[in-house]
N, C-alpha and C. Protein backbone atom coordinates (compact mmCIF):
# COMPACT_ATOMS: atom_id res chain seq x y z
N MET A 1 185.69 163.61 189.06
CA MET A 1 184.99 164.07 187.87
C MET A 1 184.28 162.85 187.29
N ALA A 2 183.01 162.97 187.09
CA ALA A 2 182.23 161.86 186.54
C ALA A 2 182.72 161.52 185.14
N THR A 3 182.54 160.26 184.76
CA THR A 3 183.02 159.79 183.47
C THR A 3 182.47 160.62 182.31
N ASN A 4 181.16 160.95 182.35
CA ASN A 4 180.60 161.74 181.25
C ASN A 4 181.16 163.16 181.24
N LEU A 5 181.46 163.72 182.41
CA LEU A 5 182.08 165.04 182.46
C LEU A 5 183.50 164.97 181.93
N GLN A 6 184.22 163.92 182.29
CA GLN A 6 185.58 163.74 181.78
C GLN A 6 185.55 163.60 180.26
N SER A 7 184.61 162.84 179.76
CA SER A 7 184.49 162.63 178.32
C SER A 7 184.17 163.95 177.60
N SER A 8 183.24 164.73 178.14
CA SER A 8 182.89 166.00 177.49
C SER A 8 184.04 167.00 177.59
N THR A 9 184.79 166.96 178.70
CA THR A 9 185.96 167.83 178.85
C THR A 9 187.01 167.46 177.81
N GLN A 10 187.23 166.17 177.63
CA GLN A 10 188.20 165.71 176.63
C GLN A 10 187.78 166.16 175.24
N GLU A 11 186.50 166.04 174.92
CA GLU A 11 186.01 166.47 173.61
C GLU A 11 186.20 167.97 173.40
N THR A 12 185.93 168.76 174.43
CA THR A 12 186.12 170.22 174.32
C THR A 12 187.58 170.55 174.10
N LEU A 13 188.47 169.91 174.86
CA LEU A 13 189.90 170.16 174.69
C LEU A 13 190.36 169.74 173.29
N ARG A 14 189.81 168.65 172.78
CA ARG A 14 190.18 168.20 171.43
C ARG A 14 189.80 169.22 170.37
N GLU A 15 188.70 169.94 170.57
CA GLU A 15 188.29 170.97 169.62
C GLU A 15 189.36 172.05 169.49
N HIS A 16 190.11 172.29 170.55
CA HIS A 16 191.12 173.35 170.56
C HIS A 16 192.54 172.85 170.35
N PHE A 17 192.82 171.59 170.71
CA PHE A 17 194.19 171.09 170.69
C PHE A 17 194.38 169.88 169.80
N GLY A 18 193.35 169.43 169.12
CA GLY A 18 193.47 168.31 168.19
C GLY A 18 192.88 167.02 168.73
N ASN A 19 192.50 166.16 167.79
CA ASN A 19 191.80 164.93 168.13
C ASN A 19 192.65 163.88 168.82
N ASN A 20 193.96 164.06 168.86
CA ASN A 20 194.82 163.08 169.51
C ASN A 20 194.95 163.30 171.02
N LEU A 21 194.41 164.40 171.52
CA LEU A 21 194.52 164.68 172.96
C LEU A 21 193.79 163.61 173.77
N GLU A 22 194.46 163.12 174.78
CA GLU A 22 193.87 162.14 175.70
C GLU A 22 194.12 162.61 177.13
N ILE A 23 193.14 162.48 177.99
CA ILE A 23 193.33 162.71 179.42
C ILE A 23 193.98 161.46 179.98
N THR A 24 195.17 161.62 180.56
CA THR A 24 195.91 160.48 181.07
C THR A 24 195.85 160.36 182.58
N ASP A 25 195.53 161.45 183.27
CA ASP A 25 195.41 161.42 184.73
C ASP A 25 194.53 162.58 185.16
N LEU A 26 193.82 162.39 186.24
CA LEU A 26 192.92 163.40 186.76
C LEU A 26 193.02 163.41 188.27
N GLU A 27 193.23 164.59 188.83
CA GLU A 27 193.30 164.73 190.29
C GLU A 27 192.33 165.82 190.71
N THR A 28 191.30 165.46 191.48
CA THR A 28 190.40 166.49 191.98
C THR A 28 191.14 167.31 193.03
N LEU A 29 190.83 168.59 193.06
CA LEU A 29 191.51 169.52 193.96
C LEU A 29 190.54 170.05 195.00
N SER A 30 191.06 170.34 196.17
CA SER A 30 190.22 170.92 197.22
C SER A 30 190.65 172.36 197.45
N GLY A 31 189.88 173.04 198.25
CA GLY A 31 190.22 174.42 198.59
C GLY A 31 189.14 175.40 198.21
N GLY A 32 188.41 175.11 197.14
CA GLY A 32 187.33 175.99 196.74
C GLY A 32 186.04 175.60 197.43
N CYS A 33 185.22 176.59 197.72
CA CYS A 33 183.96 176.27 198.39
C CYS A 33 182.76 176.50 197.48
N ILE A 34 182.98 177.10 196.29
CA ILE A 34 181.85 177.39 195.41
C ILE A 34 181.81 176.43 194.23
N ASN A 35 182.96 176.12 193.64
CA ASN A 35 183.03 175.29 192.44
C ASN A 35 183.93 174.09 192.66
N ASP A 36 183.82 173.13 191.77
CA ASP A 36 184.70 171.97 191.77
C ASP A 36 185.88 172.27 190.85
N ALA A 37 187.01 171.61 191.12
CA ALA A 37 188.20 171.83 190.29
C ALA A 37 189.02 170.55 190.22
N ALA A 38 189.80 170.45 189.14
CA ALA A 38 190.66 169.29 188.95
C ALA A 38 191.88 169.69 188.14
N ARG A 39 192.95 168.95 188.34
CA ARG A 39 194.14 169.08 187.52
C ARG A 39 194.16 167.89 186.58
N LEU A 40 194.24 168.17 185.29
CA LEU A 40 194.27 167.12 184.29
C LEU A 40 195.66 167.00 183.71
N GLU A 41 196.13 165.79 183.58
CA GLU A 41 197.33 165.52 182.79
C GLU A 41 196.82 164.99 181.46
N THR A 42 197.34 165.54 180.38
CA THR A 42 196.92 165.11 179.05
C THR A 42 198.16 164.90 178.19
N THR A 43 197.93 164.35 177.03
CA THR A 43 199.02 164.16 176.08
C THR A 43 199.51 165.49 175.52
N GLU A 44 198.79 166.58 175.80
CA GLU A 44 199.20 167.92 175.38
C GLU A 44 199.72 168.76 176.55
N GLY A 45 199.83 168.16 177.72
CA GLY A 45 200.31 168.87 178.90
C GLY A 45 199.22 169.00 179.96
N PRO A 46 199.54 169.67 181.07
CA PRO A 46 198.58 169.78 182.18
C PRO A 46 197.55 170.89 181.94
N PHE A 47 196.38 170.69 182.52
CA PHE A 47 195.31 171.69 182.49
C PHE A 47 194.68 171.78 183.86
N PHE A 48 194.19 172.96 184.19
CA PHE A 48 193.37 173.18 185.38
C PHE A 48 191.95 173.37 184.89
N VAL A 49 191.02 172.60 185.45
CA VAL A 49 189.62 172.66 185.02
C VAL A 49 188.74 172.98 186.22
N LYS A 50 187.83 173.88 186.01
CA LYS A 50 186.91 174.30 187.06
C LYS A 50 185.49 174.17 186.50
N TRP A 51 184.56 173.67 187.31
CA TRP A 51 183.19 173.51 186.82
C TRP A 51 182.19 173.69 187.95
N SER A 52 180.95 173.90 187.52
CA SER A 52 179.85 174.08 188.47
C SER A 52 178.56 173.60 187.83
N ARG A 53 177.66 173.11 188.64
CA ARG A 53 176.34 172.72 188.15
C ARG A 53 175.36 173.91 188.20
N ASP A 54 175.78 174.99 188.83
CA ASP A 54 174.94 176.18 188.97
C ASP A 54 174.87 176.91 187.62
N PRO A 55 173.68 177.14 187.07
CA PRO A 55 173.58 177.82 185.78
C PRO A 55 174.12 179.24 185.78
N ARG A 56 174.26 179.84 186.94
CA ARG A 56 174.82 181.20 187.01
C ARG A 56 176.34 181.20 186.91
N ALA A 57 176.95 180.04 186.96
CA ALA A 57 178.41 179.93 186.96
C ALA A 57 179.03 180.45 185.67
N TYR A 58 178.34 180.32 184.55
CA TYR A 58 178.91 180.78 183.27
C TYR A 58 179.35 182.23 183.38
N GLN A 59 178.48 183.08 183.89
CA GLN A 59 178.82 184.51 184.01
C GLN A 59 179.97 184.70 185.00
N GLN A 60 179.95 183.97 186.07
CA GLN A 60 181.03 184.05 187.07
C GLN A 60 182.37 183.67 186.44
N PHE A 61 182.40 182.57 185.70
CA PHE A 61 183.63 182.11 185.05
C PHE A 61 184.09 183.11 183.99
N ARG A 62 183.14 183.65 183.25
CA ARG A 62 183.49 184.63 182.21
C ARG A 62 184.11 185.88 182.83
N THR A 63 183.53 186.37 183.92
CA THR A 63 184.07 187.54 184.63
C THR A 63 185.46 187.24 185.17
N GLU A 64 185.63 186.07 185.74
CA GLU A 64 186.94 185.67 186.26
C GLU A 64 187.98 185.60 185.14
N LYS A 65 187.61 185.05 184.01
CA LYS A 65 188.51 184.97 182.86
C LYS A 65 188.96 186.37 182.44
N LEU A 66 188.02 187.28 182.31
CA LEU A 66 188.36 188.64 181.91
C LEU A 66 189.29 189.31 182.90
N ALA A 67 189.09 189.04 184.18
CA ALA A 67 189.96 189.63 185.21
C ALA A 67 191.37 189.07 185.15
N LEU A 68 191.52 187.83 184.68
CA LEU A 68 192.83 187.21 184.61
C LEU A 68 193.61 187.60 183.35
N GLU A 69 192.94 188.16 182.36
CA GLU A 69 193.61 188.51 181.11
C GLU A 69 194.42 189.79 181.24
């Protein structure tokens, strides 16, 4: 995960979990062929993060989220 992406991810997580959240470890994950993914360790616990540079990904992620609820 590029430094600027890590920084923006940390800022987004802070909006939801508080300004003290820090990313302490990051492990990129393999297995997906469409999007990138990583496991983040933070001071608030672990997170799974998925991202894409494709502008159509927003709708794909939103549909996936709804299916998981």
